[in-house]
Amino acid sequence: MAEPEQYPTRRTPSSSSSSSSQSTTSVHVTALDGLVNVNSLFTIAVFVGLSLTTPGQHSLENPSACDAGVDVAKNLLVFEVVSFSFFLFSSLVAQGLKLAINLLNSKDADEAFKAHINLRVLRFGMLASAVGSVMGCSFLMLSMVNVIQIRLGMLSCGSKSAVRSVAALIVLVSSALLVYISTAIYAFMH
């Protein structure tokens, strides 16, 4: 028994070359929605990090020599702003693609998630949005390393808590980014 197609598509009665450059599916809109939602959560993390940029804050380590200096707080602020910029870029590109799919290409209000769109434009926009998210996550990870140094002591002091926290952060976030990048590349190749 043949399974029904889960995401229906509409094809124009034109040649096969133009039908390959146009596609109609709700999967793209759902993927863009997910990307925007994840970016929103990461943006909240950026603002939490920004709230921790108070100069002269003492770490939880006893020796005051392990307190983070002003340069660490400056780096934290720079990384947070750059991270926010990448997340905002990624979300705006994704929202623009959604606007193009939903408003410009849909002829019927009942078919808001089925629209003809140039696949090259869609792929380029989704790739740009994915790259923005990856860069935002990378800079967010760097800013979290600085948050850990401000709160738990400098890594150069050998604070066990700070070293363990940074190691766990780098291993887990790098692994997640590797999975995200791999699946994105796989999706673009197939």
N, C-alpha and C. Protein backbone atom coordinates (compact mmCIF):
# COMPACT_ATOMS: atom_id res chain seq x y z
N MET A 1 0.84 -1.18 0.00
CA MET A 1 0.00 0.00 0.00
C MET A 1 0.89 1.24 0.00
N ALA A 2 0.65 2.10 -0.91
CA ALA A 2 1.46 3.32 -1.03
C ALA A 2 1.03 4.33 0.01
N GLU A 3 2.03 4.95 0.67
CA GLU A 3 1.72 5.97 1.67
C GLU A 3 1.43 7.28 0.97
N PRO A 4 0.46 8.05 1.49
CA PRO A 4 0.17 9.35 0.88
C PRO A 4 1.33 10.30 1.13
N GLU A 5 1.52 11.21 0.20
CA GLU A 5 2.59 12.21 0.30
C GLU A 5 2.27 13.15 1.46
N GLN A 6 3.22 13.29 2.38
CA GLN A 6 2.98 14.08 3.58
C GLN A 6 2.98 15.57 3.30
N TYR A 7 3.83 16.04 2.42
CA TYR A 7 3.93 17.46 2.12
C TYR A 7 3.59 17.65 0.64
N PRO A 8 2.34 17.96 0.35
CA PRO A 8 1.95 18.05 -1.05
C PRO A 8 2.66 19.19 -1.77
N THR A 9 2.91 18.97 -3.03
CA THR A 9 3.54 20.01 -3.83
C THR A 9 2.68 20.27 -5.05
N ARG A 10 2.76 21.48 -5.53
CA ARG A 10 2.07 21.89 -6.74
C ARG A 10 3.10 22.13 -7.82
N ARG A 11 2.91 21.58 -8.97
CA ARG A 11 3.83 21.80 -10.07
C ARG A 11 3.12 22.61 -11.14
N THR A 12 3.86 23.50 -11.75
CA THR A 12 3.30 24.27 -12.85
C THR A 12 3.39 23.44 -14.11
N PRO A 13 2.52 23.65 -15.08
CA PRO A 13 2.56 22.86 -16.29
C PRO A 13 3.65 23.31 -17.24
N SER A 14 4.77 23.76 -16.74
CA SER A 14 5.88 24.20 -17.58
C SER A 14 6.88 23.07 -17.74
N SER A 15 8.01 23.38 -18.31
CA SER A 15 9.01 22.37 -18.57
C SER A 15 9.61 21.84 -17.27
N SER A 16 10.31 20.72 -17.36
CA SER A 16 10.87 20.11 -16.16
C SER A 16 12.00 20.95 -15.59
N SER A 17 12.71 21.73 -16.39
CA SER A 17 13.79 22.56 -15.86
C SER A 17 13.25 23.68 -14.99
N SER A 18 12.11 24.27 -15.35
CA SER A 18 11.57 25.32 -14.49
C SER A 18 10.90 24.73 -13.28
N SER A 19 10.37 23.51 -13.37
CA SER A 19 9.76 22.91 -12.19
C SER A 19 10.83 22.49 -11.20
N SER A 20 12.05 22.22 -11.67
CA SER A 20 13.11 21.88 -10.73
C SER A 20 13.62 23.13 -10.01
N SER A 21 13.42 24.30 -10.59
CA SER A 21 13.88 25.52 -9.93
C SER A 21 12.80 26.12 -9.03
N GLN A 22 11.61 25.54 -9.06
CA GLN A 22 10.54 26.02 -8.20
C GLN A 22 10.01 24.85 -7.37
N SER A 23 9.68 25.10 -6.14
CA SER A 23 9.16 24.07 -5.28
C SER A 23 8.14 24.67 -4.33
N THR A 24 7.18 23.85 -3.93
CA THR A 24 6.18 24.32 -2.99
C THR A 24 6.07 23.30 -1.87
N THR A 25 6.42 23.69 -0.66
CA THR A 25 6.35 22.77 0.46
C THR A 25 6.32 23.52 1.78
N SER A 26 5.68 22.91 2.74
CA SER A 26 5.62 23.52 4.07
C SER A 26 6.85 23.20 4.89
N VAL A 27 7.69 22.28 4.43
CA VAL A 27 8.89 21.92 5.17
C VAL A 27 9.82 23.12 5.32
N HIS A 28 9.95 23.92 4.27
CA HIS A 28 10.82 25.09 4.33
C HIS A 28 10.33 26.10 5.37
N VAL A 29 9.03 26.35 5.38
CA VAL A 29 8.48 27.31 6.34
C VAL A 29 8.66 26.78 7.76
N THR A 30 8.44 25.48 7.96
CA THR A 30 8.63 24.89 9.28
C THR A 30 10.08 24.98 9.71
N ALA A 31 11.01 24.72 8.80
CA ALA A 31 12.44 24.83 9.14
C ALA A 31 12.80 26.27 9.49
N LEU A 32 12.27 27.22 8.73
CA LEU A 32 12.55 28.63 9.02
C LEU A 32 11.94 29.05 10.34
N ASP A 33 10.74 28.56 10.65
CA ASP A 33 10.12 28.84 11.96
C ASP A 33 11.00 28.32 13.09
N GLY A 34 11.49 27.10 12.94
CA GLY A 34 12.36 26.52 13.96
C GLY A 34 13.63 27.32 14.15
N LEU A 35 14.21 27.77 13.06
CA LEU A 35 15.43 28.56 13.13
C LEU A 35 15.20 29.88 13.85
N VAL A 36 14.10 30.54 13.55
CA VAL A 36 13.78 31.80 14.21
C VAL A 36 13.53 31.57 15.70
N ASN A 37 12.83 30.50 16.05
CA ASN A 37 12.55 30.21 17.46
C ASN A 37 13.82 29.92 18.24
N VAL A 38 14.73 29.14 17.66
CA VAL A 38 15.99 28.84 18.33
C VAL A 38 16.82 30.11 18.49
N ASN A 39 16.86 30.92 17.44
CA ASN A 39 17.60 32.18 17.53
C ASN A 39 17.04 33.08 18.63
N SER A 40 15.73 33.05 18.82
CA SER A 40 15.12 33.85 19.89
C SER A 40 15.58 33.39 21.26
N LEU A 41 15.68 32.08 21.44
CA LEU A 41 16.17 31.55 22.73
C LEU A 41 17.63 31.95 22.96
N PHE A 42 18.43 31.86 21.91
CA PHE A 42 19.83 32.25 22.06
C PHE A 42 19.97 33.74 22.31
N THR A 43 19.09 34.54 21.76
CA THR A 43 19.13 35.98 21.99
C THR A 43 18.86 36.29 23.47
N ILE A 44 17.99 35.52 24.09
CA ILE A 44 17.75 35.68 25.53
C ILE A 44 19.05 35.40 26.29
N ALA A 45 19.78 34.36 25.88
CA ALA A 45 21.06 34.05 26.52
C ALA A 45 22.06 35.19 26.37
N VAL A 46 22.01 35.86 25.23
CA VAL A 46 22.90 37.01 25.01
C VAL A 46 22.61 38.09 26.04
N PHE A 47 21.34 38.38 26.27
CA PHE A 47 21.01 39.44 27.22
C PHE A 47 21.29 39.04 28.66
N VAL A 48 21.20 37.76 28.97
CA VAL A 48 21.61 37.30 30.30
C VAL A 48 23.11 37.53 30.47
N GLY A 49 23.88 37.22 29.42
CA GLY A 49 25.32 37.46 29.48
C GLY A 49 25.66 38.93 29.60
N LEU A 50 24.90 39.78 28.90
CA LEU A 50 25.14 41.22 29.00
C LEU A 50 24.88 41.74 30.41
N SER A 51 23.94 41.12 31.11
CA SER A 51 23.65 41.58 32.47
C SER A 51 24.79 41.24 33.44
N LEU A 52 25.69 40.37 33.03
CA LEU A 52 26.80 39.97 33.90
C LEU A 52 28.07 40.77 33.66
N THR A 53 28.01 41.78 32.83
CA THR A 53 29.22 42.56 32.53
C THR A 53 29.39 43.71 33.49
N THR A 54 29.53 43.40 34.75
CA THR A 54 29.76 44.44 35.74
C THR A 54 31.25 44.48 36.08
N PRO A 55 31.90 45.60 35.85
CA PRO A 55 33.33 45.67 36.14
C PRO A 55 33.59 45.61 37.65
N GLY A 56 34.72 44.99 37.98
CA GLY A 56 35.11 44.91 39.39
C GLY A 56 34.41 43.82 40.17
N GLN A 57 33.70 42.95 39.51
CA GLN A 57 33.01 41.87 40.21
C GLN A 57 34.02 40.82 40.64
N HIS A 58 33.89 40.34 41.87
CA HIS A 58 34.81 39.33 42.38
C HIS A 58 34.29 37.94 42.03
N SER A 59 35.24 37.05 41.71
CA SER A 59 34.87 35.69 41.38
C SER A 59 34.60 34.91 42.67
N LEU A 60 34.12 33.71 42.51
CA LEU A 60 33.84 32.86 43.66
C LEU A 60 35.09 32.18 44.19
N GLU A 61 36.21 32.35 43.52
CA GLU A 61 37.50 31.83 44.00
C GLU A 61 38.03 32.76 45.10
N ASN A 62 38.78 32.19 46.03
CA ASN A 62 39.28 32.97 47.16
C ASN A 62 40.34 33.99 46.79
N PRO A 63 41.40 33.62 46.08
CA PRO A 63 42.43 34.63 45.81
C PRO A 63 41.91 35.71 44.86
N SER A 64 42.10 36.95 45.24
CA SER A 64 41.61 38.04 44.40
C SER A 64 42.43 38.17 43.12
N ALA A 65 43.58 37.53 43.05
CA ALA A 65 44.38 37.54 41.83
C ALA A 65 43.68 36.78 40.71
N CYS A 66 42.72 35.92 41.07
CA CYS A 66 41.98 35.15 40.07
C CYS A 66 40.74 35.88 39.56
N ASP A 67 40.50 37.09 40.06
CA ASP A 67 39.36 37.87 39.57
C ASP A 67 39.63 38.32 38.14
N ALA A 68 38.59 38.30 37.35
CA ALA A 68 38.71 38.73 35.96
C ALA A 68 38.88 40.24 35.91
N GLY A 69 39.68 40.68 34.98
CA GLY A 69 39.92 42.11 34.82
C GLY A 69 38.91 42.75 33.89
N VAL A 70 39.13 44.02 33.64
CA VAL A 70 38.25 44.78 32.77
C VAL A 70 38.31 44.25 31.33
N ASP A 71 39.47 43.75 30.92
CA ASP A 71 39.60 43.22 29.56
C ASP A 71 38.68 42.03 29.32
N VAL A 72 38.48 41.19 30.32
CA VAL A 72 37.57 40.05 30.17
C VAL A 72 36.13 40.54 30.05
N ALA A 73 35.77 41.55 30.84
CA ALA A 73 34.42 42.12 30.74
C ALA A 73 34.21 42.78 29.38
N LYS A 74 35.25 43.43 28.86
CA LYS A 74 35.14 44.04 27.52
C LYS A 74 34.97 42.98 26.45
N ASN A 75 35.76 41.90 26.55
CA ASN A 75 35.63 40.80 25.60
C ASN A 75 34.24 40.18 25.66
N LEU A 76 33.73 40.04 26.87
CA LEU A 76 32.38 39.50 27.03
C LEU A 76 31.37 40.37 26.31
N LEU A 77 31.47 41.65 26.50
CA LEU A 77 30.54 42.58 25.86
C LEU A 77 30.66 42.53 24.33
N VAL A 78 31.88 42.49 23.82
CA VAL A 78 32.09 42.43 22.37
C VAL A 78 31.52 41.13 21.81
N PHE A 79 31.82 40.00 22.45
CA PHE A 79 31.33 38.72 21.96
C PHE A 79 29.81 38.65 22.02
N GLU A 80 29.21 39.23 23.05
CA GLU A 80 27.74 39.23 23.15
C GLU A 80 27.12 40.05 22.03
N VAL A 81 27.69 41.21 21.75
CA VAL A 81 27.15 42.07 20.69
C VAL A 81 27.30 41.39 19.32
N VAL A 82 28.45 40.79 19.07
CA VAL A 82 28.66 40.10 17.80
C VAL A 82 27.72 38.90 17.68
N SER A 83 27.57 38.17 18.76
CA SER A 83 26.65 37.03 18.77
C SER A 83 25.22 37.48 18.48
N PHE A 84 24.79 38.54 19.16
CA PHE A 84 23.45 39.08 18.93
C PHE A 84 23.28 39.50 17.47
N SER A 85 24.32 40.12 16.90
CA SER A 85 24.25 40.56 15.51
C SER A 85 24.07 39.39 14.57
N PHE A 86 24.79 38.30 14.79
CA PHE A 86 24.64 37.12 13.93
C PHE A 86 23.26 36.49 14.09
N PHE A 87 22.76 36.40 15.32
CA PHE A 87 21.43 35.84 15.53
C PHE A 87 20.36 36.71 14.88
N LEU A 88 20.51 38.02 14.99
CA LEU A 88 19.56 38.93 14.37
C LEU A 88 19.62 38.80 12.85
N PHE A 89 20.82 38.75 12.29
CA PHE A 89 20.99 38.54 10.85
C PHE A 89 20.28 37.26 10.41
N SER A 90 20.55 36.17 11.12
CA SER A 90 19.97 34.88 10.77
C SER A 90 18.44 34.91 10.84
N SER A 91 17.90 35.51 11.88
CA SER A 91 16.45 35.59 12.04
C SER A 91 15.80 36.46 10.98
N LEU A 92 16.44 37.59 10.64
CA LEU A 92 15.87 38.47 9.63
C LEU A 92 15.89 37.83 8.24
N VAL A 93 16.96 37.11 7.92
CA VAL A 93 17.00 36.40 6.64
C VAL A 93 15.90 35.34 6.60
N ALA A 94 15.77 34.58 7.68
CA ALA A 94 14.72 33.54 7.73
C ALA A 94 13.33 34.16 7.65
N GLN A 95 13.11 35.26 8.34
CA GLN A 95 11.80 35.92 8.28
C GLN A 95 11.53 36.47 6.88
N GLY A 96 12.56 36.98 6.21
CA GLY A 96 12.40 37.45 4.84
C GLY A 96 12.02 36.33 3.90
N LEU A 97 12.64 35.17 4.06
CA LEU A 97 12.28 34.02 3.24
C LEU A 97 10.84 33.58 3.50
N LYS A 98 10.47 33.57 4.77
CA LYS A 98 9.09 33.21 5.11
C LYS A 98 8.11 34.19 4.49
N LEU A 99 8.44 35.47 4.51
CA LEU A 99 7.58 36.48 3.90
C LEU A 99 7.44 36.23 2.42
N ALA A 100 8.56 35.92 1.76
CA ALA A 100 8.51 35.64 0.33
C ALA A 100 7.66 34.41 0.04
N ILE A 101 7.80 33.39 0.84
CA ILE A 101 7.02 32.17 0.62
C ILE A 101 5.55 32.41 0.88
N ASN A 102 5.23 32.99 2.02
CA ASN A 102 3.83 33.12 2.43
C ASN A 102 3.05 34.20 1.71
N LEU A 103 3.64 35.36 1.55
CA LEU A 103 2.88 36.49 1.02
C LEU A 103 3.03 36.70 -0.48
N LEU A 104 4.24 36.61 -0.97
CA LEU A 104 4.47 36.94 -2.37
C LEU A 104 4.12 35.81 -3.33
N ASN A 105 4.26 34.58 -2.90
CA ASN A 105 4.10 33.48 -3.83
C ASN A 105 2.82 32.68 -3.67
N SER A 106 2.13 32.82 -2.57
CA SER A 106 0.92 32.04 -2.36
C SER A 106 -0.27 32.74 -3.00
N LYS A 107 -1.00 31.99 -3.78
CA LYS A 107 -2.18 32.55 -4.46
C LYS A 107 -3.45 32.35 -3.65
N ASP A 108 -3.47 31.34 -2.82
CA ASP A 108 -4.68 30.97 -2.09
C ASP A 108 -4.41 31.08 -0.59
N ALA A 109 -5.30 31.73 0.14
CA ALA A 109 -5.11 31.90 1.58
C ALA A 109 -5.13 30.56 2.31
N ASP A 110 -5.83 29.56 1.75
CA ASP A 110 -5.86 28.25 2.38
C ASP A 110 -4.56 27.49 2.18
N GLU A 111 -3.75 27.94 1.25
CA GLU A 111 -2.48 27.28 0.96
C GLU A 111 -1.31 28.20 1.32
N ALA A 112 -1.32 28.73 2.52
CA ALA A 112 -0.29 29.69 2.93
C ALA A 112 1.09 29.06 3.01
N PHE A 113 1.16 27.74 3.21
CA PHE A 113 2.45 27.09 3.34
C PHE A 113 2.88 26.37 2.06
N LYS A 114 2.15 26.55 0.98
CA LYS A 114 2.52 25.98 -0.31
C LYS A 114 2.68 27.11 -1.31
N ALA A 115 3.87 27.32 -1.76
CA ALA A 115 4.11 28.43 -2.68
C ALA A 115 5.27 28.11 -3.59
N HIS A 116 5.25 28.67 -4.79
CA HIS A 116 6.36 28.50 -5.72
C HIS A 116 7.45 29.50 -5.36
N ILE A 117 8.66 29.00 -5.26
CA ILE A 117 9.79 29.87 -4.96
C ILE A 117 11.02 29.31 -5.65
N ASN A 118 11.87 30.19 -6.08
CA ASN A 118 13.12 29.79 -6.73
C ASN A 118 13.97 29.05 -5.71
N LEU A 119 14.32 27.80 -6.04
CA LEU A 119 15.09 26.98 -5.10
C LEU A 119 16.48 27.54 -4.83
N ARG A 120 17.09 28.19 -5.81
CA ARG A 120 18.42 28.77 -5.60
C ARG A 120 18.36 29.87 -4.55
N VAL A 121 17.36 30.73 -4.67
CA VAL A 121 17.20 31.81 -3.70
C VAL A 121 16.90 31.23 -2.31
N LEU A 122 16.03 30.25 -2.27
CA LEU A 122 15.67 29.62 -1.00
C LEU A 122 16.88 28.96 -0.36
N ARG A 123 17.64 28.20 -1.13
CA ARG A 123 18.83 27.53 -0.59
C ARG A 123 19.88 28.55 -0.12
N PHE A 124 20.11 29.58 -0.92
CA PHE A 124 21.08 30.60 -0.52
C PHE A 124 20.64 31.29 0.77
N GLY A 125 19.37 31.64 0.87
CA GLY A 125 18.86 32.29 2.07
C GLY A 125 18.93 31.40 3.29
N MET A 126 18.56 30.13 3.11
CA MET A 126 18.64 29.19 4.24
C MET A 126 20.08 28.93 4.65
N LEU A 127 20.98 28.88 3.68
CA LEU A 127 22.40 28.70 4.00
C LEU A 127 22.94 29.92 4.75
N ALA A 128 22.58 31.12 4.30
CA ALA A 128 23.01 32.34 4.98
C ALA A 128 22.47 32.38 6.41
N SER A 129 21.22 31.98 6.57
CA SER A 129 20.62 31.96 7.90
C SER A 129 21.30 30.92 8.80
N ALA A 130 21.61 29.76 8.24
CA ALA A 130 22.29 28.72 9.02
C ALA A 130 23.70 29.16 9.42
N VAL A 131 24.41 29.79 8.50
CA VAL A 131 25.76 30.28 8.81
C VAL A 131 25.69 31.35 9.90
N GLY A 132 24.69 32.22 9.82
CA GLY A 132 24.51 33.22 10.88
C GLY A 132 24.26 32.60 12.24
N SER A 133 23.47 31.54 12.26
CA SER A 133 23.21 30.85 13.53
C SER A 133 24.46 30.17 14.08
N VAL A 134 25.23 29.53 13.20
CA VAL A 134 26.47 28.87 13.64
C VAL A 134 27.46 29.90 14.18
N MET A 135 27.61 31.02 13.48
CA MET A 135 28.53 32.06 13.96
C MET A 135 28.03 32.67 15.28
N GLY A 136 26.72 32.87 15.37
CA GLY A 136 26.16 33.38 16.62
C GLY A 136 26.42 32.44 17.77
N CYS A 137 26.25 31.13 17.54
CA CYS A 137 26.53 30.15 18.60
C CYS A 137 28.00 30.14 18.98
N SER A 138 28.87 30.29 18.00
CA SER A 138 30.31 30.30 18.29
C SER A 138 30.68 31.49 19.16
N PHE A 139 30.18 32.67 18.82
CA PHE A 139 30.49 33.84 19.63
C PHE A 139 29.78 33.80 20.98
N LEU A 140 28.61 33.19 21.03
CA LEU A 140 27.94 33.02 22.32
C LEU A 140 28.74 32.09 23.23
N MET A 141 29.33 31.05 22.65
CA MET A 141 30.18 30.15 23.43
C MET A 141 31.40 30.90 23.96
N LEU A 142 32.02 31.73 23.12
CA LEU A 142 33.17 32.51 23.58
C LEU A 142 32.77 33.48 24.70
N SER A 143 31.59 34.06 24.57
CA SER A 143 31.16 34.98 25.63
C SER A 143 30.87 34.22 26.92
N MET A 144 30.36 32.99 26.80
CA MET A 144 30.10 32.21 28.01
C MET A 144 31.39 31.81 28.70
N VAL A 145 32.46 31.61 27.95
CA VAL A 145 33.77 31.36 28.55
C VAL A 145 34.17 32.56 29.41
N ASN A 146 33.92 33.76 28.91
CA ASN A 146 34.22 34.96 29.70
C ASN A 146 33.31 35.10 30.90
N VAL A 147 32.03 34.71 30.78
CA VAL A 147 31.12 34.72 31.94
C VAL A 147 31.66 33.78 33.01
N ILE A 148 32.09 32.60 32.59
CA ILE A 148 32.64 31.63 33.55
C ILE A 148 33.88 32.21 34.23
N GLN A 149 34.74 32.89 33.48
CA GLN A 149 35.94 33.48 34.08
C GLN A 149 35.58 34.60 35.06
N ILE A 150 34.54 35.35 34.76
CA ILE A 150 34.13 36.42 35.67
C ILE A 150 33.55 35.83 36.95
N ARG A 151 32.75 34.79 36.83
CA ARG A 151 32.05 34.24 37.99
C ARG A 151 32.88 33.22 38.77
N LEU A 152 33.69 32.39 38.07
CA LEU A 152 34.39 31.30 38.75
C LEU A 152 35.90 31.50 38.85
N GLY A 153 36.41 32.52 38.24
CA GLY A 153 37.85 32.78 38.29
C GLY A 153 38.49 32.54 36.94
N MET A 154 39.63 33.16 36.75
CA MET A 154 40.35 33.08 35.48
C MET A 154 40.84 31.66 35.21
N LEU A 155 40.83 31.27 33.96
CA LEU A 155 41.33 29.95 33.58
C LEU A 155 42.83 29.86 33.84
N SER A 156 43.52 30.98 33.70
CA SER A 156 44.97 31.00 33.93
C SER A 156 45.34 30.69 35.37
N CYS A 157 44.40 30.87 36.31
CA CYS A 157 44.65 30.55 37.71
C CYS A 157 44.48 29.06 37.99
N GLY A 158 43.91 28.34 37.04
CA GLY A 158 43.73 26.91 37.22
C GLY A 158 42.55 26.55 38.10
N SER A 159 41.56 27.42 38.19
CA SER A 159 40.37 27.12 38.97
C SER A 159 39.69 25.87 38.41
N LYS A 160 39.58 24.83 39.25
CA LYS A 160 39.00 23.56 38.79
C LYS A 160 37.57 23.75 38.29
N SER A 161 36.81 24.54 38.98
CA SER A 161 35.42 24.77 38.57
C SER A 161 35.35 25.45 37.21
N ALA A 162 36.20 26.46 37.02
CA ALA A 162 36.20 27.18 35.75
C ALA A 162 36.67 26.29 34.61
N VAL A 163 37.72 25.53 34.83
CA VAL A 163 38.26 24.65 33.79
C VAL A 163 37.24 23.59 33.40
N ARG A 164 36.61 22.97 34.39
CA ARG A 164 35.60 21.94 34.10
C ARG A 164 34.41 22.52 33.36
N SER A 165 33.97 23.68 33.78
CA SER A 165 32.82 24.32 33.13
C SER A 165 33.13 24.68 31.68
N VAL A 166 34.29 25.26 31.46
CA VAL A 166 34.68 25.63 30.09
C VAL A 166 34.87 24.39 29.23
N ALA A 167 35.46 23.34 29.79
CA ALA A 167 35.66 22.11 29.03
C ALA A 167 34.31 21.51 28.63
N ALA A 168 33.37 21.44 29.56
CA ALA A 168 32.05 20.91 29.25
C ALA A 168 31.34 21.77 28.20
N LEU A 169 31.45 23.08 28.35
CA LEU A 169 30.82 24.00 27.40
C LEU A 169 31.38 23.81 25.99
N ILE A 170 32.69 23.77 25.88
CA ILE A 170 33.32 23.66 24.56
C ILE A 170 33.01 22.31 23.93
N VAL A 171 33.09 21.23 24.70
CA VAL A 171 32.83 19.89 24.15
C VAL A 171 31.38 19.77 23.69
N LEU A 172 30.44 20.18 24.52
CA LEU A 172 29.02 20.01 24.19
C LEU A 172 28.58 20.93 23.05
N VAL A 173 28.97 22.19 23.11
CA VAL A 173 28.54 23.13 22.08
C VAL A 173 29.22 22.80 20.75
N SER A 174 30.50 22.46 20.78
CA SER A 174 31.19 22.10 19.55
C SER A 174 30.58 20.84 18.92
N SER A 175 30.24 19.87 19.75
CA SER A 175 29.59 18.65 19.24
C SER A 175 28.24 18.97 18.62
N ALA A 176 27.46 19.80 19.28
CA ALA A 176 26.15 20.17 18.75
C ALA A 176 26.29 20.94 17.44
N LEU A 177 27.25 21.85 17.38
CA LEU A 177 27.48 22.59 16.13
C LEU A 177 27.94 21.67 15.01
N LEU A 178 28.76 20.68 15.34
CA LEU A 178 29.21 19.72 14.34
C LEU A 178 28.03 18.92 13.78
N VAL A 179 27.12 18.50 14.65
CA VAL A 179 25.92 17.78 14.20
C VAL A 179 25.05 18.70 13.35
N TYR A 180 24.87 19.94 13.78
CA TYR A 180 24.04 20.90 13.03
C TYR A 180 24.63 21.17 11.65
N ILE A 181 25.93 21.41 11.59
CA ILE A 181 26.59 21.68 10.32
C ILE A 181 26.51 20.45 9.41
N SER A 182 26.75 19.26 9.97
CA SER A 182 26.69 18.03 9.18
C SER A 182 25.31 17.80 8.59
N THR A 183 24.27 17.98 9.40
CA THR A 183 22.92 17.75 8.88
C THR A 183 22.53 18.83 7.87
N ALA A 184 23.00 20.04 8.08
CA ALA A 184 22.70 21.10 7.11
C ALA A 184 23.38 20.81 5.77
N ILE A 185 24.63 20.38 5.82
CA ILE A 185 25.34 20.04 4.58
C ILE A 185 24.68 18.86 3.90
N TYR A 186 24.29 17.86 4.68
CA TYR A 186 23.61 16.69 4.11
C TYR A 186 22.29 17.11 3.44
N ALA A 187 21.54 17.99 4.09
CA ALA A 187 20.26 18.43 3.53
C ALA A 187 20.47 19.22 2.24
N PHE A 188 21.54 19.99 2.15
CA PHE A 188 21.78 20.77 0.94
C PHE A 188 22.31 19.91 -0.21
N MET A 189 22.98 18.81 0.13
CA MET A 189 23.52 17.95 -0.90
C MET A 189 22.48 16.99 -1.47
N HIS A 190 21.42 16.72 -0.73
CA HIS A 190 20.42 15.74 -1.20
C HIS A 190 19.11 16.39 -1.52
